[in-house]
Amino acid sequence: MPSMPSMPAMPTINLADISIPGTDRQAPVTDPDLEPIVYWRVIEDDILVVHAKTQGCTSRSDFVVNVEQYHEDIYTVRLNRGEEDLCSEDLPWGIQLGFGFEELGVPAGGRVIVLNPMDERPWDWDRSPTSVASRR
């Protein structure tokens, strides 16, 4: 049987190289002056969940959240920590902080982009063997 042809190399695309359809605006770029976060996502189309770095003493009230309308229904979010977390607990995944779109001033149907850079630590902190869970 003949071997499969190799896939062509995919181009590398930077977020800053992408323009917003229908506009001449470039996509928002992360702000290297902000504190890195572990991860962020939007759930149920109206809750921003941020995994912030913590040593065990971080809460939502430790952050000042700055939201700006970027274009039509697109909003940028910057999280600035007020005081450093000086605790010593080891929490590699950070702490989840939830922010409702309503409290952020983002209307229903709006989209958000967090401008804090992503933490560069590897995602495979626990290299011990794992078992696969399955539903029966």
Protein backbone atom coordinates (compact mmCIF):
# COMPACT_ATOMS: atom_id res chain seq x y z
CA MET A 1 0.00 0.00 0.00
CA PRO A 2 1.44 3.43 -0.88
CA SER A 3 2.27 5.81 1.96
CA MET A 4 0.10 8.82 2.64
CA PRO A 5 1.37 12.13 1.28
CA SER A 6 2.72 14.48 3.92
CA MET A 7 0.65 17.47 4.93
CA PRO A 8 1.96 20.87 3.87
CA ALA A 9 3.36 23.01 6.69
CA MET A 10 0.76 25.35 8.16
CA PRO A 11 1.69 29.04 8.31
CA THR A 12 2.33 30.65 11.68
CA ILE A 13 -0.25 33.32 12.40
CA ASN A 14 0.12 35.91 15.13
CA LEU A 15 -3.02 37.37 16.69
CA ALA A 16 -1.73 40.87 15.88
CA ASP A 17 -1.61 39.95 12.16
CA ILE A 18 -5.34 39.28 12.03
CA SER A 19 -7.73 42.10 11.20
CA ILE A 20 -11.31 42.25 12.34
CA PRO A 21 -13.60 41.42 9.39
CA GLY A 22 -15.28 44.44 7.87
CA THR A 23 -12.91 46.93 9.51
CA ASP A 24 -9.43 48.25 9.12
CA ARG A 25 -8.64 47.56 12.79
CA GLN A 26 -6.01 45.06 13.85
CA ALA A 27 -6.89 42.50 16.52
CA PRO A 28 -6.07 43.53 20.11
CA VAL A 29 -2.62 42.50 21.32
CA THR A 30 -1.62 41.25 24.76
CA ASP A 31 -0.06 43.81 27.08
CA PRO A 32 3.34 42.57 28.34
CA ASP A 33 3.18 45.03 31.26
CA LEU A 34 0.23 43.15 32.80
CA GLU A 35 0.60 40.18 35.14
CA PRO A 36 0.49 36.87 33.24
CA ILE A 37 -2.49 34.61 33.87
CA VAL A 38 -2.63 30.82 33.66
CA TYR A 39 -5.69 30.65 31.38
CA TRP A 40 -8.99 32.35 30.56
CA ARG A 41 -12.24 31.33 28.91
CA VAL A 42 -15.87 32.40 28.52
CA ILE A 43 -18.62 30.07 29.70
CA GLU A 44 -22.32 30.22 28.92
CA ASP A 45 -21.66 33.25 26.68
CA ASP A 46 -21.76 35.65 29.63
CA ILE A 47 -19.20 34.68 32.29
CA LEU A 48 -15.48 35.38 31.97
CA VAL A 49 -13.42 32.87 33.98
CA VAL A 50 -9.78 33.73 34.59
CA HIS A 51 -7.28 31.32 36.13
CA ALA A 52 -5.02 33.74 37.99
CA LYS A 53 -1.68 32.81 39.50
CA THR A 54 -1.82 32.45 43.27
CA GLN A 55 0.22 31.30 46.22
CA GLY A 56 -2.98 30.70 48.21
CA CYS A 57 -4.18 34.20 49.11
CA THR A 58 -5.73 35.55 45.91
CA SER A 59 -9.35 36.59 45.50
CA ARG A 60 -11.39 38.62 43.01
CA SER A 61 -11.09 41.71 45.19
CA ASP A 62 -7.30 41.68 44.65
CA PHE A 63 -7.80 42.70 41.01
CA VAL A 64 -8.85 45.91 39.35
CA VAL A 65 -10.61 45.00 36.11
CA ASN A 66 -10.48 47.52 33.26
CA VAL A 67 -12.90 46.90 30.38
CA GLU A 68 -12.89 48.96 27.19
CA GLN A 69 -15.05 48.69 24.11
CA TYR A 70 -12.69 47.82 21.28
CA HIS A 71 -15.10 47.63 18.35
CA GLU A 72 -18.87 47.24 18.24
CA ASP A 73 -19.47 44.07 20.31
CA ILE A 74 -15.78 43.35 21.12
CA TYR A 75 -14.41 44.37 24.52
CA THR A 76 -10.89 44.17 25.91
CA VAL A 77 -10.26 43.20 29.54
CA ARG A 78 -7.15 44.03 31.58
CA LEU A 79 -6.65 42.60 35.06
CA ASN A 80 -4.31 44.47 37.40
CA ARG A 81 -3.43 42.97 40.77
CA GLY A 82 -3.53 45.51 43.58
CA GLU A 83 -1.31 43.69 46.07
CA GLU A 84 1.12 40.81 45.65
CA ASP A 85 0.06 37.35 46.90
CA LEU A 86 2.65 36.58 49.59
CA CYS A 87 1.32 33.21 50.77
CA SER A 88 3.36 30.04 50.19
CA GLU A 89 0.84 27.38 49.12
CA ASP A 90 1.65 25.55 45.85
CA LEU A 91 -1.33 25.96 43.48
CA PRO A 92 0.03 25.42 39.95
CA TRP A 93 -3.37 25.77 38.22
CA GLY A 94 -4.03 29.07 40.00
CA ILE A 95 -7.44 30.15 41.21
CA GLN A 96 -10.56 30.56 39.10
CA LEU A 97 -12.08 34.02 39.22
CA GLY A 98 -15.48 34.56 37.58
CA PHE A 99 -16.73 37.88 36.21
CA GLY A 100 -20.24 38.24 34.80
CA PHE A 101 -20.53 40.19 31.57
CA GLU A 102 -23.19 42.40 33.16
CA GLU A 103 -20.83 43.48 35.96
CA LEU A 104 -18.07 44.07 33.37
CA GLY A 105 -20.38 46.31 31.34
CA VAL A 106 -20.36 43.93 28.36
CA PRO A 107 -23.83 43.67 26.78
CA ALA A 108 -25.52 40.37 25.95
CA GLY A 109 -23.96 38.92 22.83
CA GLY A 110 -20.71 40.82 23.41
CA ARG A 111 -17.30 39.18 23.10
CA VAL A 112 -14.27 39.70 25.34
CA ILE A 113 -10.53 39.38 24.84
CA VAL A 114 -8.26 39.31 27.90
CA LEU A 115 -5.10 41.31 27.23
CA ASN A 116 -3.04 39.80 30.07
CA PRO A 117 -0.30 37.55 28.68
CA MET A 118 -0.58 33.81 29.22
CA ASP A 119 1.77 32.22 31.72
CA GLU A 120 4.49 30.25 29.94
CA ARG A 121 4.79 27.31 32.31
CA PRO A 122 4.15 23.86 30.80
CA TRP A 123 0.70 22.32 31.12
CA ASP A 124 2.06 18.89 32.12
CA TRP A 125 2.96 19.66 35.74
CA ASP A 126 2.13 16.16 36.93
CA ARG A 127 4.11 13.70 34.85
CA SER A 128 2.93 10.68 36.86
CA PRO A 129 0.98 8.00 34.96
CA THR A 130 -2.72 8.67 34.58
CA SER A 131 -5.63 6.41 33.84
CA VAL A 132 -8.32 7.20 31.32
CA ALA A 133 -11.79 7.55 32.75
CA SER A 134 -14.72 6.29 30.73
CA ARG A 135 -18.46 6.35 31.06
CA ARG A 136 -20.28 3.03 30.84
